[in-house]
Protein backbone atom coordinates (compact mmCIF):
# COMPACT_ATOMS: atom_id res chain seq x y z
CA MET A 1 0.00 0.00 0.00
CA PHE A 2 1.19 3.49 -0.75
CA GLN A 3 -0.22 6.42 1.14
CA TRP A 4 -0.04 9.72 -0.69
CA ALA A 5 -0.09 13.22 0.76
CA ASP A 6 0.97 15.68 -1.95
CA PRO A 7 1.09 15.00 -5.69
CA LYS A 8 4.12 17.25 -6.26
CA ILE A 9 6.28 16.28 -3.30
CA LEU A 10 5.85 12.56 -2.82
CA LEU A 11 6.93 11.15 -6.17
CA GLU A 12 9.79 9.20 -4.61
CA PRO A 13 7.57 7.05 -2.35
CA LEU A 14 5.29 6.35 -5.33
CA ARG A 15 8.25 5.37 -7.50
CA HIS A 16 9.58 3.22 -4.67
CA GLY A 17 6.25 1.39 -4.44
CA LEU A 18 6.04 0.95 -8.21
CA PHE A 19 9.63 -0.31 -8.38
CA LEU A 20 9.12 -2.83 -5.55
CA SER A 21 5.84 -4.03 -7.05
CA SER A 22 7.46 -4.50 -10.45
CA LYS A 23 10.41 -6.46 -9.02
CA LEU A 24 8.27 -8.58 -6.68
CA ASP A 25 5.51 -9.06 -9.27
CA SER A 26 2.98 -7.88 -6.71
CA LYS A 27 -0.11 -5.70 -6.81
CA LEU A 28 0.13 -2.11 -5.60
CA ILE A 29 -2.64 -0.36 -3.70
CA VAL A 30 -2.40 3.42 -3.90
CA GLN A 31 -4.39 4.80 -1.02
CA TYR A 32 -5.49 8.41 -0.79
CA VAL A 33 -7.20 9.64 2.35
CA LEU A 34 -9.54 12.61 2.14
CA GLU A 35 -9.13 14.04 5.61
CA THR A 36 -12.62 15.15 6.44
CA LEU A 37 -12.93 17.91 8.98
CA PRO A 38 -15.24 17.72 11.96
CA PHE A 39 -18.05 19.37 10.01
CA VAL A 40 -20.11 19.83 13.15
CA TYR A 41 -18.29 23.16 13.54
CA ILE A 42 -19.09 24.34 10.02
CA GLN A 43 -22.62 25.62 9.62
CA SER A 44 -22.65 26.29 5.88
CA GLN A 45 -23.31 23.36 3.54
CA LYS A 46 -21.79 25.47 0.74
CA ILE A 47 -18.46 25.63 2.61
CA ILE A 48 -18.56 21.88 3.32
CA ASN A 49 -19.24 21.14 -0.36
CA SER A 50 -16.39 23.44 -1.38
CA VAL A 51 -13.93 21.71 0.96
CA ILE A 52 -14.98 18.24 -0.21
CA GLY A 53 -14.76 19.36 -3.85
CA SER A 54 -11.23 20.65 -3.30
CA LEU A 55 -10.18 17.37 -1.67
CA GLU A 56 -11.65 15.35 -4.52
CA GLU A 57 -9.86 17.54 -7.07
CA GLU A 58 -6.58 16.96 -5.23
CA ALA A 59 -7.22 13.20 -5.28
CA LYS A 60 -7.79 13.37 -9.05
CA LYS A 61 -4.40 15.07 -9.51
CA VAL A 62 -2.78 12.35 -7.43
CA TYR A 63 -4.37 9.61 -9.51
CA ASP A 64 -3.36 11.32 -12.75
CA GLN A 65 0.23 11.32 -11.50
CA VAL A 66 -0.02 7.63 -10.55
CA ASN A 67 -1.25 6.78 -14.05
CA LYS A 68 1.63 8.75 -15.59
CA GLU A 69 4.29 7.12 -13.37
CA ASP A 70 2.90 3.60 -13.89
CA GLN A 71 3.68 3.76 -17.61
CA LYS A 72 7.37 3.33 -16.69
CA TYR A 73 6.78 0.23 -14.54
CA ASN A 74 3.72 -1.58 -15.95
CA VAL A 75 2.42 -2.62 -12.51
CA VAL A 76 -1.08 -3.79 -11.67
CA TYR A 77 -2.44 -1.32 -9.16
CA LYS A 78 -5.66 -0.36 -7.46
CA LEU A 79 -6.62 3.19 -6.47
CA VAL A 80 -8.40 3.44 -3.12
CA THR A 81 -9.94 6.65 -1.83
CA LEU A 82 -10.95 6.73 1.83
CA GLU A 83 -12.43 9.46 3.98
CA GLY A 84 -11.98 10.13 7.66
CA HIS A 85 -10.12 11.85 10.42
CA PRO A 86 -7.39 11.58 11.52
CA VAL A 87 -5.55 10.22 8.48
CA THR A 88 -3.46 7.77 10.50
CA SER A 89 -6.52 6.12 12.03
CA VAL A 90 -8.04 5.67 8.58
CA ILE A 91 -4.82 4.09 7.25
CA ILE A 92 -4.45 1.79 10.26
CA GLU A 93 -8.08 0.68 10.09
CA TYR A 94 -7.83 -0.03 6.36
CA SER A 95 -4.59 -2.00 6.87
CA GLU A 96 -5.74 -4.15 9.79
CA ASP A 97 -6.97 -7.20 7.90
CA LYS A 98 -4.70 -6.93 4.86
CA ASN A 99 -1.29 -8.42 4.24
CA PHE A 100 0.92 -5.80 2.68
CA LEU A 101 3.88 -3.48 3.20
CA ASN A 102 2.93 0.14 3.87
CA ILE A 103 5.06 2.70 2.04
CA ILE A 104 4.64 6.27 3.22
CA GLY A 105 6.45 9.47 2.42
CA SER A 106 7.85 11.95 4.86
CA THR A 107 8.01 15.49 3.54
CA GLY A 108 9.54 17.25 6.49
CA HIS A 109 6.70 19.77 6.45
CA GLU A 110 4.67 20.68 9.47
CA LYS A 111 7.62 20.68 11.89
CA PHE A 112 5.70 22.71 14.47
CA LYS A 113 2.65 20.50 14.19
CA ALA A 114 4.81 17.38 14.36
CA ALA A 115 6.47 18.66 17.52
CA ILE A 116 3.10 19.20 19.17
CA LEU A 117 0.88 16.48 17.72
CA GLY A 118 3.13 14.17 15.70
CA SER A 119 3.32 13.79 11.95
CA VAL A 120 1.28 11.29 9.98
CA SER A 121 4.34 9.21 9.08
CA PHE A 122 5.65 9.25 12.68
CA HIS A 123 2.26 8.30 14.12
CA LEU A 124 1.72 5.58 11.54
CA PHE A 125 5.22 4.20 11.98
CA ASN A 126 4.71 3.89 15.73
CA HIS A 127 1.10 2.65 15.86
CA ILE A 128 0.48 0.33 12.92
CA LYS A 129 1.00 -3.38 13.44
CA LYS A 130 2.08 -3.92 9.83
CA PRO A 131 5.46 -3.42 8.12
CA VAL A 132 6.17 0.19 7.13
CA THR A 133 8.77 1.65 4.80
CA LEU A 134 9.39 5.37 5.18
CA VAL A 135 10.69 7.14 2.07
CA LYS A 136 12.00 10.71 2.03
């Protein structure tokens, strides 16, 4: 499984997953999590629809990049879009009953947030009960 965060920054983890899948003749699952906000605090349906639309547009860009990169590797892959909050909980829950290696990128962004709350990659690395490869 490959968890994607930013279509421009995380090409290396995607390429790593594609390369491993091609060499191991295995299927690749590219997982994208739409981090839904606690909408209980947002009163306007128009704002909620705008946020969800933006997230879906971002997911489309990610999938377009996956399709472009796959042409170099010819790997069988599946695109999975999940929704939830926080991202790490969604990834862990999805991974629980599956047998695969998780590949996640670490961008180095959000240093302040990571110091206070912990980054997605750090949290996933320390809480998932499945193998994880961290790619910078």
